[in-house]
Amino acid sequence: MARVCAITGKRPVKGSSIHRKGQSKKSGGIGTHVTTITPRKFRPNLQRIRIKLANGGTKRVLVSVKAIKAGLVEKA
């Protein structure tokens, strides 16, 4: 099961964790330097909830919390 919101289509996006070392120029140093860049994922906050369908039935789907708070989904 893919981690994708059934309502908004939110999905994990790629990013980087950037490690910097050294004292900033503002603090009297010679500046910070990038030492490592590690790949990471930003995952949406998905919850598995039961929603009401148009035909009156119910179904369990993954929905982002942002969609639930916005009222885009009616819980069953």
N, C-alpha and C. Protein backbone atom coordinates (compact mmCIF):
# COMPACT_ATOMS: atom_id res chain seq x y z
N MET A 1 0.84 -1.18 0.00
CA MET A 1 0.00 0.00 0.00
C MET A 1 0.89 1.24 0.00
N ALA A 2 0.71 2.07 -0.99
CA ALA A 2 1.51 3.28 -1.08
C ALA A 2 1.04 4.30 -0.05
N ARG A 3 1.95 5.06 0.50
CA ARG A 3 1.63 6.07 1.51
C ARG A 3 1.21 7.36 0.82
N VAL A 4 0.01 7.32 0.25
CA VAL A 4 -0.54 8.46 -0.48
C VAL A 4 -1.93 8.76 0.07
N CYS A 5 -2.22 10.04 0.28
CA CYS A 5 -3.54 10.44 0.77
C CYS A 5 -4.58 10.21 -0.32
N ALA A 6 -5.70 9.59 0.06
CA ALA A 6 -6.75 9.27 -0.90
C ALA A 6 -7.52 10.53 -1.33
N ILE A 7 -7.47 11.60 -0.55
CA ILE A 7 -8.23 12.81 -0.84
C ILE A 7 -7.36 13.86 -1.54
N THR A 8 -6.24 14.21 -0.93
CA THR A 8 -5.41 15.31 -1.45
C THR A 8 -4.29 14.85 -2.37
N GLY A 9 -3.94 13.57 -2.32
CA GLY A 9 -2.85 13.07 -3.16
C GLY A 9 -1.47 13.33 -2.59
N LYS A 10 -1.40 13.76 -1.32
CA LYS A 10 -0.09 14.00 -0.70
C LYS A 10 0.68 12.69 -0.64
N ARG A 11 1.97 12.77 -0.91
CA ARG A 11 2.83 11.59 -0.91
C ARG A 11 4.20 11.98 -0.36
N PRO A 12 5.05 11.00 -0.01
CA PRO A 12 6.39 11.35 0.47
C PRO A 12 7.19 12.08 -0.59
N VAL A 13 7.97 13.08 -0.17
CA VAL A 13 8.84 13.81 -1.09
C VAL A 13 10.28 13.67 -0.62
N LYS A 14 11.22 13.69 -1.56
CA LYS A 14 12.63 13.55 -1.25
C LYS A 14 13.21 14.88 -0.81
N GLY A 15 14.19 14.79 0.07
CA GLY A 15 14.90 15.97 0.54
C GLY A 15 16.28 15.56 1.02
N SER A 16 16.94 16.48 1.71
CA SER A 16 18.28 16.21 2.22
C SER A 16 18.42 16.69 3.64
N SER A 17 19.22 15.96 4.41
CA SER A 17 19.62 16.39 5.74
C SER A 17 21.04 16.91 5.60
N ILE A 18 21.23 18.22 5.78
CA ILE A 18 22.52 18.86 5.55
C ILE A 18 23.21 19.11 6.88
N HIS A 19 24.42 18.57 7.05
CA HIS A 19 25.21 18.76 8.27
C HIS A 19 26.24 19.84 8.02
N ARG A 20 26.27 20.81 8.92
CA ARG A 20 27.24 21.90 8.79
C ARG A 20 28.13 21.92 10.02
N LYS A 21 29.38 22.28 9.82
CA LYS A 21 30.35 22.30 10.91
C LYS A 21 31.10 23.62 10.88
N GLY A 22 31.46 24.10 12.03
CA GLY A 22 32.23 25.34 12.13
C GLY A 22 31.45 26.44 12.81
N GLN A 23 32.15 27.51 13.17
CA GLN A 23 31.53 28.65 13.84
C GLN A 23 31.12 29.69 12.80
N SER A 24 29.91 30.23 12.96
CA SER A 24 29.41 31.20 11.99
C SER A 24 30.24 32.49 12.02
N LYS A 25 30.25 33.19 10.90
CA LYS A 25 30.98 34.46 10.81
C LYS A 25 30.43 35.48 11.80
N LYS A 26 29.10 35.42 11.99
CA LYS A 26 28.44 36.35 12.91
C LYS A 26 28.96 36.17 14.34
N SER A 27 29.34 34.93 14.68
CA SER A 27 29.84 34.64 16.02
C SER A 27 31.35 34.78 16.13
N GLY A 28 32.00 35.24 15.07
CA GLY A 28 33.45 35.44 15.12
C GLY A 28 34.28 34.35 14.48
N GLY A 29 33.63 33.39 13.82
CA GLY A 29 34.37 32.31 13.18
C GLY A 29 34.66 32.61 11.72
N ILE A 30 35.13 31.61 11.01
CA ILE A 30 35.44 31.79 9.59
C ILE A 30 34.31 31.30 8.68
N GLY A 31 33.20 30.88 9.30
CA GLY A 31 32.04 30.44 8.52
C GLY A 31 31.82 28.95 8.64
N THR A 32 30.57 28.53 8.38
CA THR A 32 30.24 27.11 8.46
C THR A 32 30.49 26.45 7.11
N HIS A 33 30.76 25.15 7.16
CA HIS A 33 31.01 24.38 5.95
C HIS A 33 30.14 23.14 5.95
N VAL A 34 29.65 22.75 4.79
CA VAL A 34 28.85 21.53 4.65
C VAL A 34 29.79 20.34 4.70
N THR A 35 29.51 19.41 5.64
CA THR A 35 30.36 18.23 5.77
C THR A 35 29.71 16.99 5.17
N THR A 36 28.39 16.87 5.29
CA THR A 36 27.69 15.69 4.80
C THR A 36 26.30 16.08 4.33
N ILE A 37 25.85 15.45 3.25
CA ILE A 37 24.47 15.60 2.80
C ILE A 37 23.89 14.19 2.71
N THR A 38 22.87 13.93 3.53
CA THR A 38 22.26 12.60 3.58
C THR A 38 20.85 12.67 3.03
N PRO A 39 20.47 11.78 2.11
CA PRO A 39 19.10 11.78 1.60
C PRO A 39 18.09 11.38 2.68
N ARG A 40 16.91 11.97 2.63
CA ARG A 40 15.84 11.63 3.57
C ARG A 40 14.51 11.82 2.88
N LYS A 41 13.42 11.41 3.56
CA LYS A 41 12.07 11.56 3.02
C LYS A 41 11.23 12.37 3.99
N PHE A 42 10.40 13.25 3.44
CA PHE A 42 9.41 13.96 4.22
C PHE A 42 8.10 13.24 3.98
N ARG A 43 7.57 12.61 5.04
CA ARG A 43 6.35 11.80 4.89
C ARG A 43 5.14 12.56 5.41
N PRO A 44 4.02 12.50 4.69
CA PRO A 44 2.81 13.16 5.17
C PRO A 44 2.23 12.43 6.38
N ASN A 45 1.51 13.15 7.21
CA ASN A 45 0.88 12.57 8.40
C ASN A 45 -0.43 11.92 7.97
N LEU A 46 -0.38 10.61 7.69
CA LEU A 46 -1.54 9.88 7.20
C LEU A 46 -2.16 9.05 8.32
N GLN A 47 -3.48 9.02 8.34
CA GLN A 47 -4.23 8.21 9.30
C GLN A 47 -5.16 7.29 8.53
N ARG A 48 -5.32 6.07 9.02
CA ARG A 48 -6.21 5.09 8.39
C ARG A 48 -7.58 5.22 9.04
N ILE A 49 -8.54 5.82 8.33
CA ILE A 49 -9.86 6.06 8.91
C ILE A 49 -10.95 5.49 8.01
N ARG A 50 -12.13 5.29 8.62
CA ARG A 50 -13.30 4.84 7.86
C ARG A 50 -14.05 6.08 7.41
N ILE A 51 -14.35 6.15 6.09
CA ILE A 51 -15.09 7.30 5.57
C ILE A 51 -16.40 6.83 4.95
N LYS A 52 -17.35 7.75 4.89
CA LYS A 52 -18.64 7.45 4.25
C LYS A 52 -18.50 7.69 2.76
N LEU A 53 -19.04 6.75 1.98
CA LEU A 53 -19.04 6.88 0.52
C LEU A 53 -20.34 7.50 0.05
N ALA A 54 -20.37 7.92 -1.20
CA ALA A 54 -21.56 8.56 -1.77
C ALA A 54 -22.75 7.62 -1.82
N ASN A 55 -22.49 6.31 -2.01
CA ASN A 55 -23.59 5.34 -2.11
C ASN A 55 -24.09 4.87 -0.74
N GLY A 56 -23.54 5.44 0.35
CA GLY A 56 -23.99 5.10 1.69
C GLY A 56 -23.12 4.08 2.40
N GLY A 57 -22.17 3.50 1.71
CA GLY A 57 -21.29 2.51 2.33
C GLY A 57 -20.12 3.17 3.04
N THR A 58 -19.27 2.33 3.64
CA THR A 58 -18.07 2.83 4.30
C THR A 58 -16.85 2.13 3.73
N LYS A 59 -15.70 2.81 3.87
CA LYS A 59 -14.45 2.26 3.35
C LYS A 59 -13.30 2.79 4.18
N ARG A 60 -12.30 1.95 4.42
CA ARG A 60 -11.10 2.38 5.14
C ARG A 60 -10.07 2.89 4.14
N VAL A 61 -9.59 4.10 4.36
CA VAL A 61 -8.59 4.68 3.46
C VAL A 61 -7.57 5.47 4.27
N LEU A 62 -6.42 5.73 3.64
CA LEU A 62 -5.40 6.58 4.25
C LEU A 62 -5.70 8.03 3.87
N VAL A 63 -5.83 8.88 4.88
CA VAL A 63 -6.16 10.28 4.67
C VAL A 63 -5.20 11.13 5.49
N SER A 64 -4.73 12.24 4.91
CA SER A 64 -3.84 13.13 5.65
C SER A 64 -4.63 13.89 6.72
N VAL A 65 -3.96 14.20 7.80
CA VAL A 65 -4.60 14.91 8.92
C VAL A 65 -5.05 16.29 8.46
N LYS A 66 -4.33 16.90 7.55
CA LYS A 66 -4.70 18.22 7.03
C LYS A 66 -6.07 18.15 6.35
N ALA A 67 -6.35 17.06 5.62
CA ALA A 67 -7.64 16.89 4.96
C ALA A 67 -8.75 16.65 5.97
N ILE A 68 -8.44 15.92 7.05
CA ILE A 68 -9.43 15.65 8.09
C ILE A 68 -9.79 16.94 8.80
N LYS A 69 -8.78 17.75 9.18
CA LYS A 69 -9.02 19.01 9.86
C LYS A 69 -9.79 20.01 9.00
N ALA A 70 -9.53 19.99 7.69
CA ALA A 70 -10.19 20.92 6.77
C ALA A 70 -11.63 20.53 6.50
N GLY A 71 -12.03 19.33 6.94
CA GLY A 71 -13.40 18.88 6.73
C GLY A 71 -13.66 18.33 5.35
N LEU A 72 -12.62 17.91 4.65
CA LEU A 72 -12.77 17.35 3.30
C LEU A 72 -13.30 15.91 3.33
N VAL A 73 -13.33 15.33 4.54
CA VAL A 73 -13.73 13.93 4.70
C VAL A 73 -14.77 13.83 5.80
N GLU A 74 -15.74 12.96 5.60
CA GLU A 74 -16.74 12.71 6.64
C GLU A 74 -16.48 11.34 7.22
N LYS A 75 -16.14 11.31 8.53
CA LYS A 75 -15.86 10.04 9.18
C LYS A 75 -17.13 9.20 9.34
N ALA A 76 -16.95 7.89 9.28
CA ALA A 76 -18.10 6.98 9.46
C ALA A 76 -18.17 6.51 10.89
